[in-house]
């Protein structure tokens, strides 16, 4: 085997590895918000109607157990810090995990009643 043959062989191996990585990435499952919420309490909604929604920046989150989470957030319009709550969520994974900026609909008691994450929209029943 000459040097040129080894380079060709290495290139073939590299192409195979790249092809495997592409296949593996395409098998990744992207979960919708509803997958982390109770379908008895939440439903998917059309993302076009954002009446009552406002943008929040989540700065801290904590599980309170039993599918309840507490979020420290800042309303993006007036930068007022607020404590927000959600119930009917998965006990295994926070539905807003890894999300920092999000459109939320919040009731008078600061419970989240609607979530819109770039078109992935859910509302409480």
PDB file of N, CA and C in Angstrom:
ATOM      1  N   UNK A   1       0.852  -1.168   0.000  1.00  0.00           N
ATOM      2  CA  UNK A   1       0.000   0.000   0.000  1.00  0.00           C
ATOM      3  C   UNK A   1       0.899   1.232   0.000  1.00  0.00           C
ATOM      4  N   UNK A   2       0.628   2.128  -0.916  1.00  0.00           N
ATOM      5  CA  UNK A   2       1.380   3.368  -1.015  1.00  0.00           C
ATOM      6  C   UNK A   2       0.659   4.478  -0.250  1.00  0.00           C
ATOM      7  N   UNK A   3       1.356   5.594  -0.090  1.00  0.00           N
ATOM      8  CA  UNK A   3       0.797   6.734   0.631  1.00  0.00           C
ATOM      9  C   UNK A   3      -0.543   7.173   0.040  1.00  0.00           C
ATOM     10  N   UNK A   4      -0.621   7.266  -1.281  1.00  0.00           N
ATOM     11  CA  UNK A   4      -1.863   7.699  -1.940  1.00  0.00           C
ATOM     12  C   UNK A   4      -3.016   6.740  -1.641  1.00  0.00           C
ATOM     13  N   UNK A   5      -2.699   5.434  -1.573  1.00  0.00           N
ATOM     14  CA  UNK A   5      -3.745   4.453  -1.264  1.00  0.00           C
ATOM     15  C   UNK A   5      -4.266   4.640   0.157  1.00  0.00           C
ATOM     16  N   UNK A   6      -3.379   4.963   1.093  1.00  0.00           N
ATOM     17  CA  UNK A   6      -3.804   5.172   2.481  1.00  0.00           C
ATOM     18  C   UNK A   6      -4.673   6.418   2.585  1.00  0.00           C
ATOM     19  N   UNK A   7      -4.320   7.467   1.861  1.00  0.00           N
ATOM     20  CA  UNK A   7      -5.137   8.686   1.888  1.00  0.00           C
ATOM     21  C   UNK A   7      -6.528   8.402   1.350  1.00  0.00           C
ATOM     22  N   UNK A   8      -6.617   7.640   0.285  1.00  0.00           N
ATOM     23  CA  UNK A   8      -7.915   7.294  -0.284  1.00  0.00           C
ATOM     24  C   UNK A   8      -8.718   6.463   0.707  1.00  0.00           C
ATOM     25  N   UNK A   9      -8.051   5.501   1.343  1.00  0.00           N
ATOM     26  CA  UNK A   9      -8.726   4.647   2.323  1.00  0.00           C
ATOM     27  C   UNK A   9      -9.224   5.493   3.493  1.00  0.00           C
ATOM     28  N   UNK A  10      -8.393   6.422   3.983  1.00  0.00           N
ATOM     29  CA  UNK A  10      -8.800   7.295   5.093  1.00  0.00           C
ATOM     30  C   UNK A  10      -9.966   8.193   4.690  1.00  0.00           C
ATOM     31  N   UNK A  11      -9.966   8.666   3.455  1.00  0.00           N
ATOM     32  CA  UNK A  11     -11.068   9.497   2.976  1.00  0.00           C
ATOM     33  C   UNK A  11     -12.367   8.703   2.945  1.00  0.00           C
ATOM     34  N   UNK A  12     -12.283   7.444   2.513  1.00  0.00           N
ATOM     35  CA  UNK A  12     -13.470   6.585   2.484  1.00  0.00           C
ATOM     36  C   UNK A  12     -14.006   6.346   3.892  1.00  0.00           C
ATOM     37  N   UNK A  13     -13.097   6.117   4.831  1.00  0.00           N
ATOM     38  CA  UNK A  13     -13.504   5.911   6.226  1.00  0.00           C
ATOM     39  C   UNK A  13     -14.162   7.175   6.765  1.00  0.00           C
ATOM     40  N   UNK A  14     -13.563   8.334   6.467  1.00  0.00           N
ATOM     41  CA  UNK A  14     -14.122   9.604   6.932  1.00  0.00           C
ATOM     42  C   UNK A  14     -15.529   9.817   6.365  1.00  0.00           C
ATOM     43  N   UNK A  15     -15.711   9.538   5.072  1.00  0.00           N
ATOM     44  CA  UNK A  15     -17.037   9.689   4.470  1.00  0.00           C
ATOM     45  C   UNK A  15     -18.054   8.767   5.136  1.00  0.00           C
ATOM     46  N   UNK A  16     -17.625   7.555   5.486  1.00  0.00           N
ATOM     47  CA  UNK A  16     -18.535   6.617   6.154  1.00  0.00           C
ATOM     48  C   UNK A  16     -18.945   7.123   7.531  1.00  0.00           C
ATOM     49  N   UNK A  17     -17.984   7.668   8.251  1.00  0.00           N
ATOM     50  CA  UNK A  17     -18.269   8.200   9.590  1.00  0.00           C
ATOM     51  C   UNK A  17     -19.222   9.382   9.492  1.00  0.00           C
ATOM     52  N   UNK A  18     -18.971  10.272   8.550  1.00  0.00           N
ATOM     53  CA  UNK A  18     -19.849  11.429   8.367  1.00  0.00           C
ATOM     54  C   UNK A  18     -21.257  10.963   8.011  1.00  0.00           C
ATOM     55  N   UNK A  19     -21.371   9.978   7.133  1.00  0.00           N
ATOM     56  CA  UNK A  19     -22.685   9.465   6.741  1.00  0.00           C
ATOM     57  C   UNK A  19     -23.411   8.870   7.943  1.00  0.00           C
ATOM     58  N   UNK A  20     -22.702   8.145   8.803  1.00  0.00           N
ATOM     59  CA  UNK A  20     -23.323   7.586   9.999  1.00  0.00           C
ATOM     60  C   UNK A  20     -23.811   8.684  10.936  1.00  0.00           C
ATOM     61  N   UNK A  21     -23.018   9.746  11.088  1.00  0.00           N
ATOM     62  CA  UNK A  21     -23.419  10.857  11.945  1.00  0.00           C
ATOM     63  C   UNK A  21     -24.682  11.529  11.418  1.00  0.00           C
ATOM     64  N   UNK A  22     -24.778  11.690  10.121  1.00  0.00           N
ATOM     65  CA  UNK A  22     -25.970  12.298   9.534  1.00  0.00           C
ATOM     66  C   UNK A  22     -27.187  11.418   9.784  1.00  0.00           C
ATOM     67  N   UNK A  23     -27.038  10.114   9.607  1.00  0.00           N
ATOM     68  CA  UNK A  23     -28.139   9.188   9.847  1.00  0.00           C
ATOM     69  C   UNK A  23     -28.557   9.236  11.309  1.00  0.00           C
ATOM     70  N   UNK A  24     -27.594   9.225  12.226  1.00  0.00           N
ATOM     71  CA  UNK A  24     -27.915   9.247  13.647  1.00  0.00           C
ATOM     72  C   UNK A  24     -28.614  10.547  14.040  1.00  0.00           C
ATOM     73  N   UNK A  25     -28.190  11.686  13.481  1.00  0.00           N
ATOM     74  CA  UNK A  25     -28.840  12.944  13.794  1.00  0.00           C
ATOM     75  C   UNK A  25     -30.263  12.973  13.273  1.00  0.00           C
ATOM     76  N   UNK A  26     -30.489  12.354  12.124  1.00  0.00           N
ATOM     77  CA  UNK A  26     -31.836  12.379  11.567  1.00  0.00           C
ATOM     78  C   UNK A  26     -32.790  11.509  12.375  1.00  0.00           C
ATOM     79  N   UNK A  27     -32.262  10.621  13.207  1.00  0.00           N
ATOM     80  CA  UNK A  27     -33.102   9.768  14.042  1.00  0.00           C
ATOM     81  C   UNK A  27     -33.478  10.431  15.356  1.00  0.00           C
ATOM     82  N   UNK A  28     -32.872  11.619  15.636  1.00  0.00           N
ATOM     83  CA  UNK A  28     -33.201  12.316  16.872  1.00  0.00           C
ATOM     84  C   UNK A  28     -34.670  12.690  16.855  1.00  0.00           C
ATOM     85  N   UNK A  29     -35.308  12.517  17.983  1.00  0.00           N
ATOM     86  CA  UNK A  29     -36.725  12.825  18.089  1.00  0.00           C
ATOM     87  C   UNK A  29     -36.873  14.185  18.757  1.00  0.00           C
ATOM     88  N   UNK A  30     -37.565  15.079  18.087  1.00  0.00           N
ATOM     89  CA  UNK A  30     -37.834  16.381  18.660  1.00  0.00           C
ATOM     90  C   UNK A  30     -39.233  16.317  19.259  1.00  0.00           C
ATOM     91  N   UNK A  31     -39.313  16.557  20.548  1.00  0.00           N
ATOM     92  CA  UNK A  31     -40.580  16.432  21.256  1.00  0.00           C
ATOM     93  C   UNK A  31     -41.300  17.773  21.282  1.00  0.00           C
ATOM     94  N   UNK A  32     -42.608  17.725  21.149  1.00  0.00           N
ATOM     95  CA  UNK A  32     -43.433  18.912  21.264  1.00  0.00           C
ATOM     96  C   UNK A  32     -43.710  19.192  22.736  1.00  0.00           C
ATOM     97  N   UNK A  33     -44.125  20.419  23.028  1.00  0.00           N
ATOM     98  CA  UNK A  33     -44.447  20.795  24.409  1.00  0.00           C
ATOM     99  C   UNK A  33     -45.475  19.860  25.031  1.00  0.00           C
ATOM    100  N   UNK A  34     -46.476  19.458  24.247  1.00  0.00           N
ATOM    101  CA  UNK A  34     -47.559  18.630  24.787  1.00  0.00           C
ATOM    102  C   UNK A  34     -47.038  17.296  25.325  1.00  0.00           C
ATOM    103  N   UNK A  35     -45.886  16.845  24.829  1.00  0.00           N
ATOM    104  CA  UNK A  35     -45.308  15.594  25.316  1.00  0.00           C
ATOM    105  C   UNK A  35     -44.835  15.686  26.766  1.00  0.00           C
ATOM    106  N   UNK A  36     -44.661  16.903  27.273  1.00  0.00           N
ATOM    107  CA  UNK A  36     -44.202  17.101  28.650  1.00  0.00           C
ATOM    108  C   UNK A  36     -45.304  17.659  29.545  1.00  0.00           C
ATOM    109  N   UNK A  37     -46.558  17.588  29.042  1.00  0.00           N
ATOM    110  CA  UNK A  37     -47.696  18.093  29.797  1.00  0.00           C
ATOM    111  C   UNK A  37     -48.793  17.039  29.835  1.00  0.00           C
ATOM    112  N   UNK A  38     -49.644  17.110  30.832  1.00  0.00           N
ATOM    113  CA  UNK A  38     -50.767  16.186  30.966  1.00  0.00           C
ATOM    114  C   UNK A  38     -51.812  16.508  29.900  1.00  0.00           C
ATOM    115  N   UNK A  39     -52.169  15.512  29.083  1.00  0.00           N
ATOM    116  CA  UNK A  39     -53.190  15.744  28.052  1.00  0.00           C
ATOM    117  C   UNK A  39     -54.576  15.900  28.664  1.00  0.00           C
ATOM    118  N   UNK A  40     -54.734  15.549  29.931  1.00  0.00           N
ATOM    119  CA  UNK A  40     -56.006  15.790  30.610  1.00  0.00           C
ATOM    120  C   UNK A  40     -56.186  17.271  30.949  1.00  0.00           C
ATOM    121  N   UNK A  41     -55.079  17.991  31.099  1.00  0.00           N
ATOM    122  CA  UNK A  41     -55.129  19.394  31.500  1.00  0.00           C
ATOM    123  C   UNK A  41     -54.723  20.373  30.402  1.00  0.00           C
ATOM    124  N   UNK A  42     -53.985  19.898  29.390  1.00  0.00           N
ATOM    125  CA  UNK A  42     -53.436  20.760  28.351  1.00  0.00           C
ATOM    126  C   UNK A  42     -53.839  20.237  26.974  1.00  0.00           C
ATOM    127  N   UNK A  43     -53.872  21.144  26.000  1.00  0.00           N
ATOM    128  CA  UNK A  43     -54.155  20.758  24.619  1.00  0.00           C
ATOM    129  C   UNK A  43     -53.326  21.612  23.673  1.00  0.00           C
ATOM    130  N   UNK A  44     -53.054  21.092  22.492  1.00  0.00           N
ATOM    131  CA  UNK A  44     -52.332  21.876  21.491  1.00  0.00           C
ATOM    132  C   UNK A  44     -53.272  22.933  20.929  1.00  0.00           C
ATOM    133  N   UNK A  45     -52.690  24.016  20.437  1.00  0.00           N
ATOM    134  CA  UNK A  45     -53.487  25.118  19.900  1.00  0.00           C
ATOM    135  C   UNK A  45     -52.790  25.693  18.674  1.00  0.00           C
ATOM    136  N   UNK A  46     -53.549  26.425  17.883  1.00  0.00           N
ATOM    137  CA  UNK A  46     -52.977  27.116  16.734  1.00  0.00           C
ATOM    138  C   UNK A  46     -52.101  28.258  17.239  1.00  0.00           C
ATOM    139  N   UNK A  47     -50.953  28.419  16.634  1.00  0.00           N
ATOM    140  CA  UNK A  47     -50.006  29.423  17.104  1.00  0.00           C
ATOM    141  C   UNK A  47     -50.326  30.834  16.625  1.00  0.00           C
ATOM    142  N   UNK A  48     -51.271  31.006  15.705  1.00  0.00           N
ATOM    143  CA  UNK A  48     -51.537  32.322  15.148  1.00  0.00           C
ATOM    144  C   UNK A  48     -52.174  33.309  16.116  1.00  0.00           C
ATOM    145  N   UNK A  49     -52.991  32.859  17.040  1.00  0.00           N
ATOM    146  CA  UNK A  49     -53.712  33.740  17.954  1.00  0.00           C
ATOM    147  C   UNK A  49     -52.934  33.864  19.265  1.00  0.00           C
ATOM    148  N   UNK A  50     -52.257  34.997  19.441  1.00  0.00           N
ATOM    149  CA  UNK A  50     -51.453  35.196  20.644  1.00  0.00           C
ATOM    150  C   UNK A  50     -52.076  36.227  21.586  1.00  0.00           C
ATOM    151  N   UNK A  51     -53.406  36.344  21.559  1.00  0.00           N
ATOM    152  CA  UNK A  51     -54.088  37.263  22.474  1.00  0.00           C
ATOM    153  C   UNK A  51     -53.819  36.841  23.909  1.00  0.00           C
ATOM    154  N   UNK A  52     -53.379  37.784  24.709  1.00  0.00           N
ATOM    155  CA  UNK A  52     -53.119  37.514  26.115  1.00  0.00           C
ATOM    156  C   UNK A  52     -51.735  36.941  26.387  1.00  0.00           C
ATOM    157  N   UNK A  53     -50.948  36.702  25.350  1.00  0.00           N
ATOM    158  CA  UNK A  53     -49.597  36.182  25.533  1.00  0.00           C
ATOM    159  C   UNK A  53     -48.607  37.342  25.641  1.00  0.00           C
ATOM    160  N   UNK A  54     -47.562  37.140  26.413  1.00  0.00           N
ATOM    161  CA  UNK A  54     -46.492  38.126  26.551  1.00  0.00           C
ATOM    162  C   UNK A  54     -45.163  37.376  26.615  1.00  0.00           C
ATOM    163  N   UNK A  55     -44.118  38.051  26.225  1.00  0.00           N
ATOM    164  CA  UNK A  55     -42.799  37.405  26.223  1.00  0.00           C
ATOM    165  C   UNK A  55     -42.152  37.533  27.603  1.00  0.00           C
ATOM    166  N   UNK A  56     -41.627  36.415  28.079  1.00  0.00           N
ATOM    167  CA  UNK A  56     -40.925  36.360  29.358  1.00  0.00           C
ATOM    168  C   UNK A  56     -39.546  35.758  29.161  1.00  0.00           C
ATOM    169  N   UNK A  57     -38.630  36.185  30.011  1.00  0.00           N
ATOM    170  CA  UNK A  57     -37.293  35.580  30.062  1.00  0.00           C
ATOM    171  C   UNK A  57     -37.209  34.809  31.367  1.00  0.00           C
ATOM    172  N   UNK A  58     -37.028  33.501  31.261  1.00  0.00           N
ATOM    173  CA  UNK A  58     -36.944  32.649  32.452  1.00  0.00           C
ATOM    174  C   UNK A  58     -35.502  32.685  32.956  1.00  0.00           C
ATOM    175  N   UNK A  59     -35.347  33.038  34.230  1.00  0.00           N
ATOM    176  CA  UNK A  59     -34.007  33.146  34.799  1.00  0.00           C
ATOM    177  C   UNK A  59     -33.698  32.042  35.808  1.00  0.00           C
ATOM    178  N   UNK A  60     -34.755  31.413  36.343  1.00  0.00           N
ATOM    179  CA  UNK A  60     -34.539  30.318  37.298  1.00  0.00           C
ATOM    180  C   UNK A  60     -35.781  29.440  37.297  1.00  0.00           C
ATOM    181  N   UNK A  61     -35.570  28.156  37.522  1.00  0.00           N
ATOM    182  CA  UNK A  61     -36.699  27.215  37.550  1.00  0.00           C
ATOM    183  C   UNK A  61     -36.478  26.193  38.652  1.00  0.00           C
ATOM    184  N   UNK A  62     -37.593  25.700  39.208  1.00  0.00           N
ATOM    185  CA  UNK A  62     -37.484  24.702  40.277  1.00  0.00           C
ATOM    186  C   UNK A  62     -38.705  23.802  40.248  1.00  0.00           C
ATOM    187  N   UNK A  63     -38.465  22.512  40.372  1.00  0.00           N
ATOM    188  CA  UNK A  63     -39.564  21.554  40.468  1.00  0.00           C
ATOM    189  C   UNK A  63     -40.115  21.589  41.885  1.00  0.00           C
ATOM    190  N   UNK A  64     -41.443  21.604  41.980  1.00  0.00           N
ATOM    191  CA  UNK A  64     -42.092  21.536  43.284  1.00  0.00           C
ATOM    192  C   UNK A  64     -42.722  20.174  43.503  1.00  0.00           C
ATOM    193  N   UNK A  65     -42.431  19.227  42.593  1.00  0.00           N
ATOM    194  CA  UNK A  65     -42.953  17.874  42.694  1.00  0.00           C
ATOM    195  C   UNK A  65     -44.383  17.766  42.200  1.00  0.00           C
ATOM    196  N   UNK A  66     -44.773  16.569  41.855  1.00  0.00           N
ATOM    197  CA  UNK A  66     -46.140  16.323  41.412  1.00  0.00           C
ATOM    198  C   UNK A  66     -46.519  17.007  40.114  1.00  0.00           C
ATOM    199  N   UNK A  67     -45.546  17.256  39.244  1.00  0.00           N
ATOM    200  CA  UNK A  67     -45.837  17.917  37.973  1.00  0.00           C
ATOM    201  C   UNK A  67     -46.023  19.416  38.079  1.00  0.00           C
ATOM    202  N   UNK A  68     -45.521  20.000  39.169  1.00  0.00           N
ATOM    203  CA  UNK A  68     -45.607  21.447  39.366  1.00  0.00           C
ATOM    204  C   UNK A  68     -44.206  22.041  39.333  1.00  0.00           C
ATOM    205  N   UNK A  69     -44.094  23.198  38.660  1.00  0.00           N
ATOM    206  CA  UNK A  69     -42.814  23.895  38.563  1.00  0.00           C
ATOM    207  C   UNK A  69     -43.021  25.366  38.892  1.00  0.00           C
ATOM    208  N   UNK A  70     -41.977  25.967  39.450  1.00  0.00           N
ATOM    209  CA  UNK A  70     -41.985  27.391  39.766  1.00  0.00           C
ATOM    210  C   UNK A  70     -40.864  28.035  38.958  1.00  0.00           C
ATOM    211  N   UNK A  71     -41.177  29.169  38.323  1.00  0.00           N
ATOM    212  CA  UNK A  71     -40.210  29.876  37.498  1.00  0.00           C
ATOM    213  C   UNK A  71     -40.034  31.299  38.001  1.00  0.00           C
ATOM    214  N   UNK A  72     -38.806  31.731  38.088  1.00  0.00           N
ATOM    215  CA  UNK A  72     -38.509  33.148  38.280  1.00  0.00           C
ATOM    216  C   UNK A  72     -38.282  33.689  36.881  1.00  0.00           C
ATOM    217  N   UNK A  73     -39.044  34.707  36.527  1.00  0.00           N
ATOM    218  CA  UNK A  73     -38.978  35.222  35.166  1.00  0.00           C
ATOM    219  C   UNK A  73     -39.024  36.746  35.186  1.00  0.00           C
ATOM    220  N   UNK A  74     -38.730  37.299  34.029  1.00  0.00           N
ATOM    221  CA  UNK A  74     -38.778  38.745  33.858  1.00  0.00           C
ATOM    222  C   UNK A  74     -39.648  39.022  32.644  1.00  0.00           C
ATOM    223  N   UNK A  75     -40.660  39.863  32.837  1.00  0.00           N
ATOM    224  CA  UNK A  75     -41.517  40.280  31.723  1.00  0.00           C
ATOM    225  C   UNK A  75     -40.647  41.132  30.801  1.00  0.00           C
ATOM    226  N   UNK A  76     -40.545  40.760  29.537  1.00  0.00           N
ATOM    227  CA  UNK A  76     -39.597  41.434  28.639  1.00  0.00           C
ATOM    228  C   UNK A  76     -39.993  42.874  28.318  1.00  0.00           C
ATOM    229  N   UNK A  77     -41.266  43.220  28.439  1.00  0.00           N
ATOM    230  CA  UNK A  77     -41.711  44.576  28.101  1.00  0.00           C
ATOM    231  C   UNK A  77     -41.266  45.597  29.139  1.00  0.00           C
ATOM    232  N   UNK A  78     -41.518  45.305  30.413  1.00  0.00           N
ATOM    233  CA  UNK A  78     -41.202  46.282  31.452  1.00  0.00           C
ATOM    234  C   UNK A  78     -40.122  45.817  32.428  1.00  0.00           C
ATOM    235  N   UNK A  79     -39.538  44.654  32.169  1.00  0.00           N
ATOM    236  CA  UNK A  79     -38.439  44.112  32.991  1.00  0.00           C
ATOM    237  C   UNK A  79     -38.826  43.922  34.456  1.00  0.00           C
ATOM    238  N   UNK A  80     -40.092  43.648  34.713  1.00  0.00           N
ATOM    239  CA  UNK A  80     -40.558  43.411  36.081  1.00  0.00           C
ATOM    240  C   UNK A  80     -40.379  41.926  36.402  1.00  0.00           C
ATOM    241  N   UNK A  81     -39.668  41.602  37.493  1.00  0.00           N
ATOM    242  CA  UNK A  81     -39.512  40.196  37.859  1.00  0.00           C
ATOM    243  C   UNK A  81     -40.817  39.631  38.432  1.00  0.00           C
ATOM    244  N   UNK A  82     -41.115  38.386  38.077  1.00  0.00           N
ATOM    245  CA  UNK A  82     -42.327  37.719  38.553  1.00  0.00           C
ATOM    246  C   UNK A  82     -42.020  36.256  38.865  1.00  0.00           C
ATOM    247  N   UNK A  83     -42.831  35.689  39.737  1.00  0.00           N
ATOM    248  CA  UNK A  83     -42.785  34.261  40.005  1.00  0.00           C
ATOM    249  C   UNK A  83     -43.965  33.644  39.271  1.00  0.00           C
ATOM    250  N   UNK A  84     -43.710  32.649  38.416  1.00  0.00           N
ATOM    251  CA  UNK A  84     -44.755  31.988  37.639  1.00  0.00           C
ATOM    252  C   UNK A  84     -44.816  30.517  38.022  1.00  0.00           C
ATOM    253  N   UNK A  85     -45.989  29.929  37.840  1.00  0.00           N
ATOM    254  CA  UNK A  85     -46.190  28.528  38.211  1.00  0.00           C
ATOM    255  C   UNK A  85     -46.856  27.782  37.064  1.00  0.00           C
ATOM    256  N   UNK A  86     -46.572  26.496  37.004  1.00  0.00           N
ATOM    257  CA  UNK A  86     -47.251  25.631  36.047  1.00  0.00           C
ATOM    258  C   UNK A  86     -47.608  24.334  36.758  1.00  0.00           C
ATOM    259  N   UNK A  87     -48.770  23.794  36.437  1.00  0.00           N
ATOM    260  CA  UNK A  87     -49.164  22.488  36.962  1.00  0.00           C
ATOM    261  C   UNK A  87     -49.604  21.629  35.789  1.00  0.00           C
ATOM    262  N   UNK A  88     -49.719  20.337  36.041  1.00  0.00           N
ATOM    263  CA  UNK A  88     -50.090  19.421  34.972  1.00  0.00           C
ATOM    264  C   UNK A  88     -48.940  19.130  34.033  1.00  0.00           C
ATOM    265  N   UNK A  89     -47.728  19.230  34.547  1.00  0.00           N
ATOM    266  CA  UNK A  89     -46.532  18.982  33.739  1.00  0.00           C
ATOM    267  C   UNK A  89     -45.939  17.614  34.080  1.00  0.00           C
ATOM    268  N   UNK A  90     -45.013  17.193  33.274  1.00  0.00           N
ATOM    269  CA  UNK A  90     -44.324  15.929  33.500  1.00  0.00           C
ATOM    270  C   UNK A  90     -43.473  16.016  34.766  1.00  0.00           C
ATOM    271  N   UNK A  91     -43.483  14.953  35.536  1.00  0.00           N
ATOM    272  CA  UNK A  91     -42.624  14.916  36.717  1.00  0.00           C
ATOM    273  C   UNK A  91     -41.182  14.597  36.332  1.00  0.00           C
ATOM    274  N   UNK A  92     -41.002  14.068  35.140  1.00  0.00           N
ATOM    275  CA  UNK A  92     -39.675  13.647  34.689  1.00  0.00           C
ATOM    276  C   UNK A  92     -38.887  14.792  34.073  1.00  0.00           C
ATOM    277  N   UNK A  93     -39.587  15.684  33.351  1.00  0.00           N
ATOM    278  CA  UNK A  93     -38.877  16.745  32.632  1.00  0.00           C
ATOM    279  C   UNK A  93     -39.693  18.029  32.650  1.00  0.00           C
ATOM    280  N   UNK A  94     -39.034  19.114  32.981  1.00  0.00           N
ATOM    281  CA  UNK A  94     -39.619  20.444  32.950  1.00  0.00           C
ATOM    282  C   UNK A  94     -39.988  20.778  31.496  1.00  0.00           C
ATOM    283  N   UNK A  95     -41.244  21.141  31.216  1.00  0.00           N
ATOM    284  CA  UNK A  95     -41.631  21.428  29.838  1.00  0.00           C
ATOM    285  C   UNK A  95     -40.919  22.641  29.251  1.00  0.00           C
ATOM    286  N   UNK A  96     -40.393  23.508  30.099  1.00  0.00           N
ATOM    287  CA  UNK A  96     -39.681  24.693  29.614  1.00  0.00           C
ATOM    288  C   UNK A  96     -38.171  24.569  29.786  1.00  0.00           C
ATOM    289  N   UNK A  97     -37.704  23.353  29.973  1.00  0.00           N
ATOM    290  CA  UNK A  97     -36.270  23.121  30.134  1.00  0.00           C
ATOM    291  C   UNK A  97     -35.536  23.632  28.899  1.00  0.00           C
ATOM    292  N   UNK A  98     -34.424  24.291  29.137  1.00  0.00           N
ATOM    293  CA  UNK A  98     -33.552  24.818  28.091  1.00  0.00           C
ATOM    294  C   UNK A  98     -34.198  25.937  27.278  1.00  0.00           C
ATOM    295  N   UNK A  99     -35.330  26.452  27.727  1.00  0.00           N
ATOM    296  CA  UNK A  99     -35.959  27.586  27.058  1.00  0.00           C
ATOM    297  C   UNK A  99     -35.751  28.808  27.932  1.00  0.00           C
ATOM    298  N   UNK A 100     -35.243  29.876  27.323  1.00  0.00           N
ATOM    299  CA  UNK A 100     -35.006  31.085  28.096  1.00  0.00           C
ATOM    300  C   UNK A 100     -36.027  32.168  27.755  1.00  0.00           C
ATOM    301  N   UNK A 101     -36.260  32.430  26.475  1.00  0.00           N
ATOM    302  CA  UNK A 101     -37.256  33.419  26.051  1.00  0.00           C
ATOM    303  C   UNK A 101     -38.474  32.667  25.528  1.00  0.00           C
ATOM    304  N   UNK A 102     -39.659  33.018  26.028  1.00  0.00           N
ATOM    305  CA  UNK A 102     -40.866  32.264  25.682  1.00  0.00           C
ATOM    306  C   UNK A 102     -42.087  33.176  25.783  1.00  0.00           C
ATOM    307  N   UNK A 103     -43.063  32.938  24.931  1.00  0.00           N
ATOM    308  CA  UNK A 103     -44.346  33.637  25.010  1.00  0.00           C
ATOM    309  C   UNK A 103     -45.272  32.830  25.915  1.00  0.00           C
ATOM    310  N   UNK A 104     -45.786  33.487  26.944  1.00  0.00           N
ATOM    311  CA  UNK A 104     -46.657  32.823  27.913  1.00  0.00           C
ATOM    312  C   UNK A 104     -47.945  33.616  28.107  1.00  0.00           C
ATOM    313  N   UNK A 105     -49.000  32.884  28.404  1.00  0.00           N
ATOM    314  CA  UNK A 105     -50.246  33.499  28.861  1.00  0.00           C
ATOM    315  C   UNK A 105     -50.362  33.142  30.336  1.00  0.00           C
ATOM    316  N   UNK A 106     -50.563  34.140  31.170  1.00  0.00           N
ATOM    317  CA  UNK A 106     -50.540  33.954  32.625  1.00  0.00           C
ATOM    318  C   UNK A 106     -51.835  34.509  33.206  1.00  0.00           C
ATOM    319  N   UNK A 107     -52.428  33.761  34.166  1.00  0.00           N
ATOM    320  CA  UNK A 107     -53.658  34.236  34.801  1.00  0.00           C
ATOM    321  C   UNK A 107     -53.340  35.174  35.974  1.00  0.00           C
ATOM    322  N   UNK A 108     -54.380  35.637  36.668  1.00  0.00           N
ATOM    323  CA  UNK A 108     -54.214  36.592  37.775  1.00  0.00           C
ATOM    324  C   UNK A 108     -53.437  36.020  38.948  1.00  0.00           C
ATOM    325  N   UNK A 109     -53.434  34.695  39.082  1.00  0.00           N
ATOM    326  CA  UNK A 109     -52.712  34.064  40.186  1.00  0.00           C
ATOM    327  C   UNK A 109     -51.311  33.629  39.769  1.00  0.00           C
ATOM    328  N   UNK A 110     -50.860  34.092  38.606  1.00  0.00           N
ATOM    329  CA  UNK A 110     -49.531  33.848  38.033  1.00  0.00           C
ATOM    330  C   UNK A 110     -49.310  32.393  37.629  1.00  0.00           C
ATOM    331  N   UNK A 111     -50.401  31.682  37.309  1.00  0.00           N
ATOM    332  CA  UNK A 111     -50.271  30.339  36.750  1.00  0.00           C
ATOM    333  C   UNK A 111     -50.221  30.449  35.230  1.00  0.00           C
ATOM    334  N   UNK A 112     -49.332  29.699  34.627  1.00  0.00           N
ATOM    335  CA  UNK A 112     -49.199  29.690  33.175  1.00  0.00           C
ATOM    336  C   UNK A 112     -50.394  28.937  32.595  1.00  0.00           C
ATOM    337  N   UNK A 113     -51.117  29.597  31.686  1.00  0.00           N
ATOM    338  CA  UNK A 113     -52.282  28.978  31.062  1.00  0.00           C
ATOM    339  C   UNK A 113     -52.087  28.791  29.555  1.00  0.00           C
ATOM    340  N   UNK A 114     -50.988  29.277  29.032  1.00  0.00           N
ATOM    341  CA  UNK A 114     -50.678  29.099  27.618  1.00  0.00           C
ATOM    342  C   UNK A 114     -49.190  29.245  27.383  1.00  0.00           C
ATOM    343  N   UNK A 115     -48.666  28.446  26.465  1.00  0.00           N
ATOM    344  CA  UNK A 115     -47.235  28.482  26.125  1.00  0.00           C
ATOM    345  C   UNK A 115     -47.127  28.480  24.615  1.00  0.00           C
ATOM    346  N   UNK A 116     -46.331  29.397  24.071  1.00  0.00           N
ATOM    347  CA  UNK A 116     -46.041  29.410  22.641  1.00  0.00           C
ATOM    348  C   UNK A 116     -44.534  29.488  22.464  1.00  0.00           C
ATOM    349  N   UNK A 117     -43.956  28.376  22.032  1.00  0.00           N
ATOM    350  CA  UNK A 117     -42.521  28.300  21.799  1.00  0.00           C
ATOM    351  C   UNK A 117     -42.289  28.236  20.286  1.00  0.00           C
ATOM    352  N   UNK A 118     -42.213  29.395  19.655  1.00  0.00           N
ATOM    353  CA  UNK A 118     -41.960  29.484  18.212  1.00  0.00           C
ATOM    354  C   UNK A 118     -42.935  28.634  17.391  1.00  0.00           C
ATOM    355  N   UNK A 119     -44.209  28.742  17.695  1.00  0.00           N
ATOM    356  CA  UNK A 119     -45.218  28.021  16.932  1.00  0.00           C
ATOM    357  C   UNK A 119     -45.669  26.725  17.566  1.00  0.00           C
ATOM    358  N   UNK A 120     -44.922  26.192  18.519  1.00  0.00           N
ATOM    359  CA  UNK A 120     -45.356  25.014  19.268  1.00  0.00           C
ATOM    360  C   UNK A 120     -46.195  25.552  20.414  1.00  0.00           C
ATOM    361  N   UNK A 121     -47.515  25.518  20.263  1.00  0.00           N
ATOM    362  CA  UNK A 121     -48.405  26.219  21.184  1.00  0.00           C
ATOM    363  C   UNK A 121     -49.327  25.242  21.913  1.00  0.00           C
ATOM    364  N   UNK A 122     -49.437  25.425  23.238  1.00  0.00           N
ATOM    365  CA  UNK A 122     -50.357  24.647  24.056  1.00  0.00           C
ATOM    366  C   UNK A 122     -51.102  25.598  24.990  1.00  0.00           C
ATOM    367  N   UNK A 123     -52.340  25.207  25.335  1.00  0.00           N
ATOM    368  CA  UNK A 123     -53.122  25.994  26.286  1.00  0.00           C
ATOM    369  C   UNK A 123     -53.805  25.031  27.267  1.00  0.00           C
ATOM    370  N   UNK A 124     -54.137  25.572  28.443  1.00  0.00           N
ATOM    371  CA  UNK A 124     -54.873  24.775  29.427  1.00  0.00           C
ATOM    372  C   UNK A 124     -56.300  24.595  28.948  1.00  0.00           C
ATOM    373  N   UNK A 125     -56.857  23.423  29.246  1.00  0.00           N
ATOM    374  CA  UNK A 125     -58.259  23.143  28.883  1.00  0.00           C
ATOM    375  C   UNK A 125     -59.206  23.894  29.785  1.00  0.00           C
TER     376      UNK A 125
END
